[in-house]
Amino acid sequence: PEECAVFHCRRCWTVLGDSLQLCGQEPPGLSVLICFKVTSDVTWEDSLLVGLEEALLGCAYYLLTCRSCGLALGFILYSSGSDLAYLRGLFCFFKESIICYLLKSQMIIEASKVNFPAVTLKE
């Protein structure tokens, strides 16, 4: 409860999810919030994209977008190397696409500046 936040689209402020759905730590090279559940305002197409650079090189994923404004919000990893396998099927929000509303302090802050408590997926 101390750290509860609501995630909003940076462009149009649509509610996308909240910190109660966080379920993993961001991997090296990716600045993402990893959630197991999002609102119905987060959409994705049936077509897969393939990462061509950096941390997602060679990975197949679905692009997440905001239903209201179309902003690219993140991805759902479909296939990857073993280093990112734990992310498959989860919602990964790009921190630069998200604004957080912190409930306790009633502050709005960049997602990249928020430190949420450590959460780990059990194998």
N, C-alpha and C. Protein backbone atom coordinates (compact mmCIF):
# COMPACT_ATOMS: atom_id res chain seq x y z
N PRO A 1 0.80 -1.22 0.00
CA PRO A 1 0.00 0.00 0.00
C PRO A 1 0.84 1.28 0.00
N GLU A 2 2.00 1.23 0.65
CA GLU A 2 2.86 2.41 0.68
C GLU A 2 3.30 2.83 -0.72
N GLU A 3 3.54 1.84 -1.56
CA GLU A 3 4.12 2.08 -2.87
C GLU A 3 3.10 1.99 -4.01
N CYS A 4 1.82 1.96 -3.73
CA CYS A 4 0.81 1.76 -4.78
C CYS A 4 0.79 2.90 -5.78
N ALA A 5 0.70 2.54 -7.05
CA ALA A 5 0.67 3.52 -8.12
C ALA A 5 -0.27 3.04 -9.22
N VAL A 6 -0.82 4.00 -9.94
CA VAL A 6 -1.63 3.72 -11.11
C VAL A 6 -0.80 4.13 -12.32
N PHE A 7 -0.75 3.26 -13.34
CA PHE A 7 0.02 3.54 -14.55
C PHE A 7 -0.88 4.17 -15.60
N HIS A 8 -0.42 5.28 -16.18
CA HIS A 8 -1.17 6.02 -17.20
C HIS A 8 -0.34 6.13 -18.48
N CYS A 9 -1.02 6.23 -19.61
CA CYS A 9 -0.38 6.53 -20.89
C CYS A 9 0.21 7.94 -20.80
N ARG A 10 1.45 8.08 -21.22
CA ARG A 10 2.12 9.37 -21.17
C ARG A 10 1.42 10.42 -22.06
N ARG A 11 0.87 9.97 -23.18
CA ARG A 11 0.29 10.92 -24.14
C ARG A 11 -1.12 11.37 -23.76
N CYS A 12 -2.00 10.44 -23.37
CA CYS A 12 -3.41 10.80 -23.19
C CYS A 12 -3.96 10.53 -21.78
N TRP A 13 -3.14 10.01 -20.89
CA TRP A 13 -3.50 9.77 -19.49
C TRP A 13 -4.49 8.64 -19.27
N THR A 14 -4.70 7.80 -20.26
CA THR A 14 -5.58 6.64 -20.09
C THR A 14 -4.97 5.70 -19.04
N VAL A 15 -5.81 5.13 -18.19
CA VAL A 15 -5.34 4.19 -17.16
C VAL A 15 -5.01 2.86 -17.83
N LEU A 16 -3.80 2.35 -17.56
CA LEU A 16 -3.30 1.13 -18.20
C LEU A 16 -3.16 -0.04 -17.23
N GLY A 17 -2.97 0.25 -15.97
CA GLY A 17 -2.75 -0.80 -14.98
C GLY A 17 -2.33 -0.18 -13.66
N ASP A 18 -1.86 -1.04 -12.75
CA ASP A 18 -1.40 -0.51 -11.46
C ASP A 18 -0.27 -1.37 -10.91
N SER A 19 0.36 -0.87 -9.88
CA SER A 19 1.54 -1.53 -9.32
C SER A 19 1.21 -2.84 -8.61
N LEU A 20 -0.05 -3.09 -8.29
CA LEU A 20 -0.42 -4.36 -7.67
C LEU A 20 -0.25 -5.52 -8.66
N GLN A 21 -0.17 -5.21 -9.95
CA GLN A 21 -0.01 -6.24 -10.99
C GLN A 21 1.46 -6.46 -11.38
N LEU A 22 2.39 -5.74 -10.77
CA LEU A 22 3.81 -5.93 -11.07
C LEU A 22 4.22 -7.34 -10.67
N CYS A 23 5.03 -7.98 -11.53
CA CYS A 23 5.36 -9.38 -11.23
C CYS A 23 6.79 -9.76 -11.56
N GLY A 24 7.66 -8.80 -11.81
CA GLY A 24 9.04 -9.19 -12.10
C GLY A 24 9.96 -7.99 -12.14
N GLN A 25 11.24 -8.25 -12.05
CA GLN A 25 12.25 -7.21 -12.13
C GLN A 25 12.67 -7.00 -13.57
N GLU A 26 12.97 -5.75 -13.93
CA GLU A 26 13.37 -5.47 -15.30
C GLU A 26 14.73 -6.08 -15.60
N PRO A 27 14.85 -6.69 -16.77
CA PRO A 27 16.12 -7.29 -17.16
C PRO A 27 17.13 -6.22 -17.58
N PRO A 28 18.42 -6.53 -17.52
CA PRO A 28 19.43 -5.58 -17.98
C PRO A 28 19.18 -5.18 -19.44
N GLY A 29 19.31 -3.90 -19.72
CA GLY A 29 19.15 -3.41 -21.09
C GLY A 29 17.73 -3.06 -21.48
N LEU A 30 16.75 -3.37 -20.64
CA LEU A 30 15.35 -3.03 -20.92
C LEU A 30 14.80 -2.19 -19.77
N SER A 31 14.25 -1.05 -20.09
CA SER A 31 13.64 -0.19 -19.09
C SER A 31 12.13 -0.39 -19.14
N VAL A 32 11.65 -1.44 -18.44
CA VAL A 32 10.25 -1.84 -18.52
C VAL A 32 9.66 -2.12 -17.14
N LEU A 33 8.34 -1.97 -17.05
CA LEU A 33 7.57 -2.44 -15.91
C LEU A 33 6.88 -3.72 -16.35
N ILE A 34 7.02 -4.80 -15.61
CA ILE A 34 6.50 -6.11 -16.00
C ILE A 34 5.25 -6.41 -15.18
N CYS A 35 4.12 -6.59 -15.90
CA CYS A 35 2.84 -6.81 -15.23
C CYS A 35 2.18 -8.09 -15.75
N PHE A 36 1.37 -8.73 -14.90
CA PHE A 36 0.65 -9.91 -15.38
C PHE A 36 -0.78 -9.58 -15.76
N LYS A 37 -1.22 -8.33 -15.53
CA LYS A 37 -2.58 -7.93 -15.89
C LYS A 37 -2.59 -6.44 -16.22
N VAL A 38 -3.39 -6.06 -17.23
CA VAL A 38 -3.53 -4.66 -17.63
C VAL A 38 -5.01 -4.36 -17.87
N THR A 39 -5.35 -3.09 -18.10
CA THR A 39 -6.74 -2.73 -18.37
C THR A 39 -7.09 -3.04 -19.83
N SER A 40 -8.36 -2.96 -20.15
CA SER A 40 -8.82 -3.22 -21.53
C SER A 40 -8.42 -2.09 -22.48
N ASP A 41 -7.82 -1.03 -21.98
CA ASP A 41 -7.35 0.05 -22.84
C ASP A 41 -5.95 -0.21 -23.39
N VAL A 42 -5.38 -1.33 -23.04
CA VAL A 42 -4.11 -1.77 -23.62
C VAL A 42 -4.44 -2.81 -24.68
N THR A 43 -4.02 -2.56 -25.91
CA THR A 43 -4.35 -3.46 -27.02
C THR A 43 -3.08 -3.97 -27.69
N TRP A 44 -3.22 -5.03 -28.47
CA TRP A 44 -2.12 -5.56 -29.27
C TRP A 44 -2.69 -6.26 -30.49
N GLU A 45 -1.91 -6.27 -31.56
CA GLU A 45 -2.30 -6.91 -32.82
C GLU A 45 -1.92 -8.38 -32.79
N ASP A 46 -2.50 -9.15 -33.69
CA ASP A 46 -2.17 -10.57 -33.79
C ASP A 46 -0.84 -10.82 -34.50
N SER A 47 -0.31 -9.81 -35.17
CA SER A 47 0.93 -10.01 -35.92
C SER A 47 2.15 -9.82 -35.02
N LEU A 48 3.12 -10.71 -35.19
CA LEU A 48 4.35 -10.67 -34.41
C LEU A 48 5.37 -9.73 -35.05
N LEU A 49 6.13 -9.06 -34.22
CA LEU A 49 7.27 -8.26 -34.66
C LEU A 49 8.52 -8.97 -34.19
N VAL A 50 9.65 -8.68 -34.85
CA VAL A 50 10.92 -9.28 -34.46
C VAL A 50 11.88 -8.17 -34.09
N GLY A 51 12.49 -8.30 -32.91
CA GLY A 51 13.46 -7.30 -32.45
C GLY A 51 14.71 -7.34 -33.29
N LEU A 52 15.15 -6.16 -33.73
CA LEU A 52 16.33 -6.08 -34.59
C LEU A 52 17.53 -5.45 -33.91
N GLU A 53 17.38 -5.02 -32.66
CA GLU A 53 18.51 -4.40 -31.99
C GLU A 53 18.41 -4.55 -30.48
N GLU A 54 19.52 -4.33 -29.85
CA GLU A 54 19.67 -4.30 -28.40
C GLU A 54 19.09 -5.52 -27.69
N ALA A 55 18.43 -5.30 -26.57
CA ALA A 55 17.99 -6.39 -25.69
C ALA A 55 16.96 -7.32 -26.34
N LEU A 56 16.17 -6.83 -27.30
CA LEU A 56 15.15 -7.65 -27.94
C LEU A 56 15.61 -8.26 -29.27
N LEU A 57 16.90 -8.19 -29.55
CA LEU A 57 17.44 -8.74 -30.80
C LEU A 57 17.06 -10.21 -30.96
N GLY A 58 16.36 -10.51 -32.06
CA GLY A 58 15.96 -11.88 -32.37
C GLY A 58 14.72 -12.37 -31.63
N CYS A 59 14.16 -11.55 -30.77
CA CYS A 59 12.94 -11.93 -30.03
C CYS A 59 11.70 -11.62 -30.86
N ALA A 60 10.68 -12.46 -30.76
CA ALA A 60 9.39 -12.20 -31.39
C ALA A 60 8.44 -11.69 -30.30
N TYR A 61 7.70 -10.64 -30.63
CA TYR A 61 6.82 -10.03 -29.64
C TYR A 61 5.62 -9.36 -30.29
N TYR A 62 4.60 -9.13 -29.47
CA TYR A 62 3.43 -8.35 -29.87
C TYR A 62 3.60 -6.95 -29.30
N LEU A 63 3.35 -5.93 -30.10
CA LEU A 63 3.47 -4.56 -29.64
C LEU A 63 2.21 -4.15 -28.88
N LEU A 64 2.37 -3.61 -27.69
CA LEU A 64 1.25 -3.08 -26.91
C LEU A 64 1.02 -1.63 -27.28
N THR A 65 -0.24 -1.24 -27.46
CA THR A 65 -0.56 0.15 -27.77
C THR A 65 -1.71 0.63 -26.89
N CYS A 66 -1.84 1.94 -26.79
CA CYS A 66 -2.94 2.55 -26.06
C CYS A 66 -4.16 2.61 -26.97
N ARG A 67 -5.27 2.07 -26.49
CA ARG A 67 -6.51 2.07 -27.28
C ARG A 67 -6.97 3.50 -27.61
N SER A 68 -6.73 4.44 -26.71
CA SER A 68 -7.21 5.81 -26.90
C SER A 68 -6.41 6.63 -27.89
N CYS A 69 -5.08 6.56 -27.81
CA CYS A 69 -4.27 7.44 -28.66
C CYS A 69 -3.30 6.71 -29.59
N GLY A 70 -3.14 5.40 -29.43
CA GLY A 70 -2.27 4.63 -30.32
C GLY A 70 -0.80 4.62 -29.95
N LEU A 71 -0.42 5.23 -28.85
CA LEU A 71 0.99 5.26 -28.44
C LEU A 71 1.50 3.85 -28.19
N ALA A 72 2.72 3.56 -28.66
CA ALA A 72 3.36 2.27 -28.37
C ALA A 72 3.74 2.26 -26.90
N LEU A 73 3.20 1.28 -26.16
CA LEU A 73 3.38 1.23 -24.71
C LEU A 73 4.39 0.19 -24.25
N GLY A 74 4.63 -0.84 -25.05
CA GLY A 74 5.51 -1.91 -24.63
C GLY A 74 5.31 -3.14 -25.49
N PHE A 75 5.43 -4.32 -24.89
CA PHE A 75 5.36 -5.55 -25.67
C PHE A 75 4.95 -6.73 -24.79
N ILE A 76 4.49 -7.78 -25.48
CA ILE A 76 4.30 -9.10 -24.88
C ILE A 76 5.27 -10.01 -25.62
N LEU A 77 6.23 -10.53 -24.91
CA LEU A 77 7.24 -11.39 -25.52
C LEU A 77 6.64 -12.74 -25.87
N TYR A 78 6.85 -13.16 -27.12
CA TYR A 78 6.34 -14.45 -27.59
C TYR A 78 7.44 -15.50 -27.59
N SER A 79 8.60 -15.14 -28.11
CA SER A 79 9.74 -16.07 -28.09
C SER A 79 11.01 -15.27 -27.88
N SER A 80 11.97 -15.92 -27.21
CA SER A 80 13.21 -15.24 -26.86
C SER A 80 14.27 -16.27 -26.51
N GLY A 81 15.45 -15.78 -26.23
CA GLY A 81 16.50 -16.64 -25.70
C GLY A 81 16.18 -16.95 -24.24
N SER A 82 16.98 -17.82 -23.65
CA SER A 82 16.72 -18.24 -22.27
C SER A 82 16.83 -17.11 -21.26
N ASP A 83 17.62 -16.07 -21.57
CA ASP A 83 17.79 -14.96 -20.63
C ASP A 83 16.51 -14.16 -20.40
N LEU A 84 15.63 -14.11 -21.40
CA LEU A 84 14.36 -13.37 -21.26
C LEU A 84 13.14 -14.28 -21.21
N ALA A 85 13.35 -15.57 -21.13
CA ALA A 85 12.24 -16.54 -21.18
C ALA A 85 11.18 -16.28 -20.11
N TYR A 86 11.59 -15.80 -18.95
CA TYR A 86 10.62 -15.56 -17.88
C TYR A 86 9.63 -14.43 -18.19
N LEU A 87 9.91 -13.63 -19.22
CA LEU A 87 9.01 -12.54 -19.62
C LEU A 87 7.93 -12.97 -20.59
N ARG A 88 8.04 -14.16 -21.16
CA ARG A 88 7.10 -14.60 -22.19
C ARG A 88 5.66 -14.57 -21.66
N GLY A 89 4.79 -13.94 -22.43
CA GLY A 89 3.37 -13.88 -22.08
C GLY A 89 3.00 -12.80 -21.08
N LEU A 90 3.98 -12.04 -20.59
CA LEU A 90 3.70 -10.96 -19.63
C LEU A 90 3.64 -9.62 -20.35
N PHE A 91 3.02 -8.65 -19.72
CA PHE A 91 2.90 -7.31 -20.28
C PHE A 91 4.08 -6.48 -19.81
N CYS A 92 4.89 -6.02 -20.76
CA CYS A 92 6.07 -5.22 -20.44
C CYS A 92 5.86 -3.80 -20.95
N PHE A 93 5.67 -2.86 -20.04
CA PHE A 93 5.48 -1.46 -20.40
C PHE A 93 6.83 -0.75 -20.49
N PHE A 94 7.06 -0.02 -21.60
CA PHE A 94 8.24 0.84 -21.69
C PHE A 94 8.08 1.96 -20.66
N LYS A 95 9.07 2.13 -19.80
CA LYS A 95 8.98 3.17 -18.77
C LYS A 95 8.82 4.56 -19.39
N GLU A 96 9.43 4.79 -20.55
CA GLU A 96 9.32 6.12 -21.17
C GLU A 96 7.92 6.41 -21.72
N SER A 97 7.07 5.40 -21.80
CA SER A 97 5.70 5.59 -22.30
C SER A 97 4.67 5.73 -21.18
N ILE A 98 5.12 5.60 -19.93
CA ILE A 98 4.22 5.51 -18.79
C ILE A 98 4.46 6.64 -17.79
N ILE A 99 3.38 7.14 -17.24
CA ILE A 99 3.41 8.08 -16.12
C ILE A 99 2.76 7.36 -14.93
N CYS A 100 3.29 7.56 -13.75
CA CYS A 100 2.75 6.92 -12.55
C CYS A 100 2.09 7.95 -11.64
N TYR A 101 0.91 7.60 -11.15
CA TYR A 101 0.24 8.40 -10.13
C TYR A 101 0.40 7.64 -8.82
N LEU A 102 1.16 8.20 -7.89
CA LEU A 102 1.40 7.56 -6.59
C LEU A 102 0.24 7.89 -5.66
N LEU A 103 -0.46 6.86 -5.21
CA LEU A 103 -1.68 7.06 -4.44
C LEU A 103 -1.44 7.73 -3.10
N LYS A 104 -0.46 7.28 -2.33
CA LYS A 104 -0.26 7.82 -0.99
C LYS A 104 0.10 9.30 -1.01
N SER A 105 1.06 9.67 -1.85
CA SER A 105 1.52 11.06 -1.90
C SER A 105 0.73 11.91 -2.88
N GLN A 106 -0.12 11.28 -3.68
CA GLN A 106 -0.91 11.95 -4.72
C GLN A 106 -0.01 12.75 -5.66
N MET A 107 1.12 12.11 -6.04
CA MET A 107 2.07 12.74 -6.95
C MET A 107 2.07 12.03 -8.28
N ILE A 108 2.37 12.78 -9.32
CA ILE A 108 2.54 12.23 -10.66
C ILE A 108 4.04 12.25 -10.95
N ILE A 109 4.57 11.09 -11.37
CA ILE A 109 6.01 10.98 -11.55
C ILE A 109 6.33 10.09 -12.75
N GLU A 110 7.46 10.33 -13.37
CA GLU A 110 7.93 9.50 -14.48
C GLU A 110 8.15 8.07 -13.97
N ALA A 111 7.76 7.09 -14.76
CA ALA A 111 7.93 5.69 -14.36
C ALA A 111 9.40 5.34 -14.13
N SER A 112 10.29 5.96 -14.88
CA SER A 112 11.72 5.67 -14.74
C SER A 112 12.29 6.17 -13.41
N LYS A 113 11.56 7.04 -12.72
CA LYS A 113 12.05 7.59 -11.46
C LYS A 113 11.44 6.91 -10.23
N VAL A 114 10.57 5.92 -10.45
CA VAL A 114 9.93 5.23 -9.34
C VAL A 114 10.65 3.92 -9.05
N ASN A 115 10.92 3.67 -7.78
CA ASN A 115 11.53 2.40 -7.38
C ASN A 115 10.48 1.58 -6.65
N PHE A 116 9.94 0.59 -7.35
CA PHE A 116 8.94 -0.29 -6.74
C PHE A 116 9.66 -1.38 -5.96
N PRO A 117 9.02 -1.93 -4.93
CA PRO A 117 9.65 -3.02 -4.18
C PRO A 117 9.95 -4.20 -5.09
N ALA A 118 11.00 -4.93 -4.75
CA ALA A 118 11.42 -6.08 -5.55
C ALA A 118 10.33 -7.14 -5.58
N VAL A 119 10.01 -7.60 -6.78
CA VAL A 119 9.04 -8.67 -6.98
C VAL A 119 9.70 -9.70 -7.89
N THR A 120 9.57 -10.96 -7.56
CA THR A 120 10.16 -11.98 -8.41
C THR A 120 9.17 -13.05 -8.77
N LEU A 121 9.26 -13.53 -9.98
CA LEU A 121 8.42 -14.64 -10.42
C LEU A 121 8.98 -15.93 -9.88
N LYS A 122 8.14 -16.80 -9.42
CA LYS A 122 8.60 -18.13 -8.99
C LYS A 122 8.66 -19.02 -10.22
N GLU A 123 9.70 -19.81 -10.33
CA GLU A 123 9.86 -20.68 -11.50
C GLU A 123 8.84 -21.80 -11.50
